[in-house]
Amino acid sequence: MFGALRARVGYLLARRLFHWAWLVRQPRAWRWLEGQFARMANLGDRQAQSFYGHILLFRGQGLGARNEGRRLLGLAARAGDAKAAYQLGVLSLAGDTQHAADAQQAIDWWTLAAQAGHPAAAYRLAELYRTGAAGVAADAAQAEHFSALSNRLSGL
């Protein structure tokens, strides 16, 4: 119990300090910040998994960090984090050296994100269904459905 409280306090402090650019550039401070983010993510906190997953994916050093970032984003997305699900959809559609582009998987992630209230995911789904992609036929009805959802989520 005390360990979880200590992890939460450390994580909240690290999130505050993360915005201090001069501190983030200090290697020792950065290692401490990363440790706080990793500890909270390992405890299963959805927000920490999404935040640290994005950091590892875009700023991590090496393929192992990128893969860990994808894993953490997957955990966060399955727990209901719309931003993580959206990012996984982008990664799935683009593909990389380890994963082939997969439009159907992108649709699955973006559907999850749109259901969680992410307007850009609904917009990307509408565009994907409007134009079609490898393995996904164009579908005007689905495109219209997700376009309307995107407008509603965006407040238009």
Protein backbone atom coordinates (compact mmCIF):
# COMPACT_ATOMS: atom_id res chain seq x y z
CA MET A 1 0.00 0.00 0.00
CA PHE A 2 2.73 2.46 0.97
CA GLY A 3 4.69 1.51 -2.16
CA ALA A 4 1.74 2.34 -4.41
CA LEU A 5 1.27 5.70 -2.69
CA ARG A 6 4.96 6.46 -3.01
CA ALA A 7 4.82 5.51 -6.72
CA ARG A 8 1.80 7.76 -7.29
CA VAL A 9 3.42 10.75 -5.56
CA GLY A 10 6.68 10.20 -7.43
CA TYR A 11 4.82 9.93 -10.72
CA LEU A 12 2.85 13.13 -10.15
CA LEU A 13 6.03 14.99 -9.21
CA ALA A 14 7.82 13.60 -12.28
CA ARG A 15 4.97 14.71 -14.54
CA ARG A 16 5.31 18.25 -13.16
CA LEU A 17 9.07 18.28 -13.52
CA PHE A 18 8.83 16.86 -17.04
CA HIS A 19 7.84 20.34 -18.27
CA TRP A 20 11.09 21.87 -17.05
CA ALA A 21 13.24 21.59 -20.18
CA TRP A 22 16.52 22.33 -18.43
CA LEU A 23 15.89 19.48 -15.97
CA VAL A 24 14.94 16.97 -18.65
CA ARG A 25 18.28 17.61 -20.38
CA GLN A 26 20.17 16.48 -17.28
CA PRO A 27 20.99 12.75 -17.65
CA ARG A 28 20.67 11.93 -13.95
CA ALA A 29 17.35 13.76 -13.63
CA TRP A 30 16.05 12.14 -16.81
CA ARG A 31 16.87 8.67 -15.46
CA TRP A 32 14.94 9.49 -12.27
CA LEU A 33 11.95 10.79 -14.27
CA GLU A 34 11.96 7.69 -16.47
CA GLY A 35 12.09 5.49 -13.39
CA GLN A 36 9.00 7.18 -11.97
CA PHE A 37 7.12 6.84 -15.27
CA ALA A 38 8.14 3.18 -15.62
CA ARG A 39 7.20 2.30 -12.02
CA MET A 40 3.71 3.74 -12.37
CA ALA A 41 3.21 2.13 -15.79
CA ASN A 42 4.26 -1.24 -14.36
CA LEU A 43 1.69 -0.86 -11.60
CA GLY A 44 -0.99 -0.83 -14.32
CA ASP A 45 -1.92 2.84 -14.34
CA ARG A 46 -3.56 3.48 -17.74
CA GLN A 47 -2.54 7.13 -17.93
CA ALA A 48 1.07 6.33 -17.05
CA GLN A 49 1.16 3.50 -19.59
CA SER A 50 -0.06 5.85 -22.30
CA PHE A 51 2.28 8.68 -21.32
CA TYR A 52 5.40 6.55 -20.92
CA GLY A 53 4.51 4.48 -23.99
CA HIS A 54 4.43 7.65 -26.09
CA ILE A 55 7.77 8.78 -24.63
CA LEU A 56 9.42 5.45 -25.39
CA LEU A 57 7.91 5.25 -28.85
CA PHE A 58 9.05 8.69 -29.95
CA ARG A 59 12.06 9.44 -27.74
CA GLY A 60 13.29 6.04 -26.59
CA GLN A 61 16.78 4.86 -27.48
CA GLY A 62 16.79 1.75 -29.67
CA LEU A 63 14.39 -0.85 -30.92
CA GLY A 64 13.76 -2.29 -27.45
CA ALA A 65 12.45 1.05 -26.19
CA ARG A 66 10.21 1.39 -29.24
CA ASN A 67 8.81 -2.11 -28.75
CA GLU A 68 8.20 -1.43 -25.05
CA GLY A 69 6.43 1.79 -26.02
CA ARG A 70 4.14 -0.15 -28.38
CA ARG A 71 3.45 -2.70 -25.65
CA LEU A 72 2.56 -0.02 -23.11
CA LEU A 73 0.35 1.78 -25.63
CA GLY A 74 -1.43 -1.51 -26.31
CA LEU A 75 -2.11 -2.03 -22.60
CA ALA A 76 -3.39 1.53 -22.25
CA ALA A 77 -5.56 1.26 -25.36
CA ARG A 78 -7.15 -1.98 -24.19
CA ALA A 79 -7.86 -0.27 -20.86
CA GLY A 80 -9.76 2.51 -22.67
CA ASP A 81 -7.15 5.17 -23.48
CA ALA A 82 -8.28 6.83 -26.73
CA LYS A 83 -4.98 8.56 -27.48
CA ALA A 84 -3.02 5.31 -27.20
CA ALA A 85 -5.50 3.47 -29.44
CA TYR A 86 -5.30 6.26 -32.02
CA GLN A 87 -1.49 6.14 -32.05
CA LEU A 88 -1.49 2.37 -32.48
CA GLY A 89 -3.81 2.78 -35.45
CA VAL A 90 -1.38 5.24 -37.02
CA LEU A 91 1.50 2.82 -36.42
CA SER A 92 -0.48 -0.11 -37.83
CA LEU A 93 -1.38 1.70 -41.02
CA ALA A 94 2.16 2.99 -41.59
CA GLY A 95 4.00 -0.23 -40.75
CA ASP A 96 7.72 -0.33 -39.97
CA THR A 97 10.69 -2.66 -40.26
CA GLN A 98 9.18 -5.15 -37.80
CA HIS A 99 5.48 -4.86 -38.63
CA ALA A 100 3.92 -4.80 -42.08
CA ALA A 101 1.28 -2.16 -42.75
CA ASP A 102 -2.09 -3.56 -41.70
CA ALA A 103 -5.16 -1.49 -42.54
CA GLN A 104 -7.54 -3.89 -40.78
CA GLN A 105 -5.59 -3.60 -37.54
CA ALA A 106 -5.60 0.19 -37.92
CA ILE A 107 -9.38 0.05 -38.29
CA ASP A 108 -9.66 -2.01 -35.11
CA TRP A 109 -7.51 0.44 -33.10
CA TRP A 110 -9.21 3.52 -34.53
CA THR A 111 -12.66 2.07 -33.87
CA LEU A 112 -11.64 1.55 -30.25
CA ALA A 113 -10.33 5.13 -30.09
CA ALA A 114 -13.45 6.58 -31.74
CA GLN A 115 -15.67 4.71 -29.30
CA ALA A 116 -13.62 6.27 -26.50
CA GLY A 117 -14.28 9.75 -27.93
CA HIS A 118 -11.25 10.50 -30.13
CA PRO A 119 -12.46 12.70 -33.04
CA ALA A 120 -9.31 12.28 -35.17
CA ALA A 121 -9.73 8.50 -35.05
CA ALA A 122 -13.27 8.80 -36.38
CA TYR A 123 -12.02 11.15 -39.10
CA ARG A 124 -9.23 8.75 -40.12
CA LEU A 125 -11.74 5.89 -40.23
CA ALA A 126 -14.03 7.94 -42.46
CA GLU A 127 -11.14 8.69 -44.83
CA LEU A 128 -9.97 5.07 -44.84
CA TYR A 129 -13.45 3.78 -45.65
CA ARG A 130 -13.93 6.52 -48.25
CA THR A 131 -10.78 5.60 -50.19
CA GLY A 132 -10.22 1.98 -49.19
CA ALA A 133 -6.82 0.40 -48.54
CA ALA A 134 -5.00 -2.89 -48.97
CA GLY A 135 -7.34 -5.52 -47.58
CA VAL A 136 -10.14 -3.01 -46.91
CA ALA A 137 -12.74 -2.21 -49.55
CA ALA A 138 -14.20 1.28 -49.82
CA ASP A 139 -17.53 1.52 -48.01
CA ALA A 140 -19.53 4.74 -48.43
CA ALA A 141 -21.99 3.90 -45.63
CA GLN A 142 -19.20 3.32 -43.09
CA ALA A 143 -17.41 6.44 -44.31
CA GLU A 144 -20.54 8.51 -43.73
CA HIS A 145 -21.10 6.95 -40.31
CA PHE A 146 -17.60 7.76 -39.09
CA SER A 147 -17.66 11.21 -40.70
CA ALA A 148 -20.82 12.03 -38.74
CA LEU A 149 -19.23 10.61 -35.58
CA SER A 150 -16.12 12.72 -36.16
CA ASN A 151 -18.24 15.85 -36.56
CA ARG A 152 -20.21 15.05 -33.41
CA LEU A 153 -17.05 14.37 -31.37
CA SER A 154 -15.44 17.56 -32.69
CA GLY A 155 -18.47 19.61 -31.78
CA LEU A 156 -19.28 20.53 -35.38
